[in-house]
Amino acid sequence: RHLPVCRTLHFLTPAAEDQIRAGKIMKSLLIFLLVVFEFHVIKTQSGLRCRGRNFDRERCCTKENPCVEGEGDCENDTDCGAGLGCGTNNCKGFGDFFHPKDDCCVKIDTNIRCRGRNFDTGRCCTTENPCVEGEGDCENNEDCEGNLSCGNNNCKKFGDFYHEKDDCCIKSGTSQPLPNTGIAQQSFGDIPLNPPEGQRCRGRNYEGKRCCTPEQPCNEGEGDCDGRGDGGLNDGDTGCRGSLVCGSNNCKQFGHYYHAKDDCCEKPNTSPTTTTRKPNPKKPILPPDGQRCRGRNYGERRCCTPEEQCDEGEGDCDGREDGSEHDGNTGCRGDLVCGSNNCKKFGLYYHDKDDCCERPVKEVKKEIASYWMLKLWSPVR
């Protein structure tokens, strides 16, 4: 006689069944969203040859095959057709399917002589050859023609082809020193409009940059000093007398005659512009031993190059957001990309404007998504 075979039946708890059902609903929803997205992309990008890094694996806009207006990603203006220039992170204005950092070809005014760092390799607005209204990048009012003054990060209003940090010449405003009326202490409220009589250092509108030096240090309210906020080789606080420190873009509080980017000597901890910071114990204060590229506070900019590439957390690299001729991501090893003003997250010894090599956002997002999908579809125990 054959004995009956005992089989063990597995039953799912109600909670497990709810979790599986929720997973199936989530999967169906994701498929639906992908279909809608693909339809939107196909509809939006119709007619465009070059559609940016989300679609084109290699360079699409080239000198040999230039792009039309609204196509990208371009590297410089030679990648664009006649009368066009290569913008900066501007492709989103032509279609949401572009990557946020894609650069698209845009119309430019060919009558403009100086068009900023995206086009001009050297200084274009100078004292010898000053710029007219709407041209840049200028350094001070002497770089502008006649009674025009040098603005502050204002060129974008004259054309999208400018870099976001370009300064253009504009009609006289608050950034131009007011004419001397003979009243040395003429003021607006408690802030003087004109430099006090006998003041040696009065900012780039009068003496140029770095009037305060270790050999001739400045008093409180004088500038421009060359502090830590300027990066690279700097004077720190030694351009200021005694215990004073060199601030950052803080001179306007001492006088309207200063340029918006002038740095003045001030008392320690008197304003949030002071460059002296308390260390954060969670991040390294000094570079690790043997690190080659440690930012502009320790060496020159652009330490990461295509010939000597950097690892994750090293900088300064010369990425697309620096404008003009750049290395893109070729200064970083493998699939790493050059970030923008991101080095501080790797170490406090970096300058605020240092760009470090980091993992691409897509890769990080993919890892996060994979983690949660594994959690979602993990077997119930």
Foldseek 3Di string as FASTA:
>chain_A
DDDDDDDDDDDDDPVQVVLVVVLVVVVVVVVVVVVVVVVQCCVLCPPAPAAEVVPDVDADQDLVRAGEFLHDQDQWQSSHDPQKIWFFLPNVVRPVSYDSGGIGIDGDDPVAPAAEQQHDVDADQDLVRAGEFLHDQDDFQSSHPDQWTWAALPNVVSDRRYASGGIGTDHDDLQAQDDDPVPQQPPDVNARSHHHPPADADECNPPRAAPQDLVRADEFLGDQAFAPLVFADHRHQSSHPDQWGKFFLPNVVRHSNYHSGGIGTDHPPPDPRGPDDDDDPVAAADDDPPADADERNVHNAQPQDLVRADEFLGDQAFASSVHHRHRHQSSHPDQWGWAFLPNVVHHVNYHSGGIGTHHDPVVVVVVVVVVVVCVSPPDDD
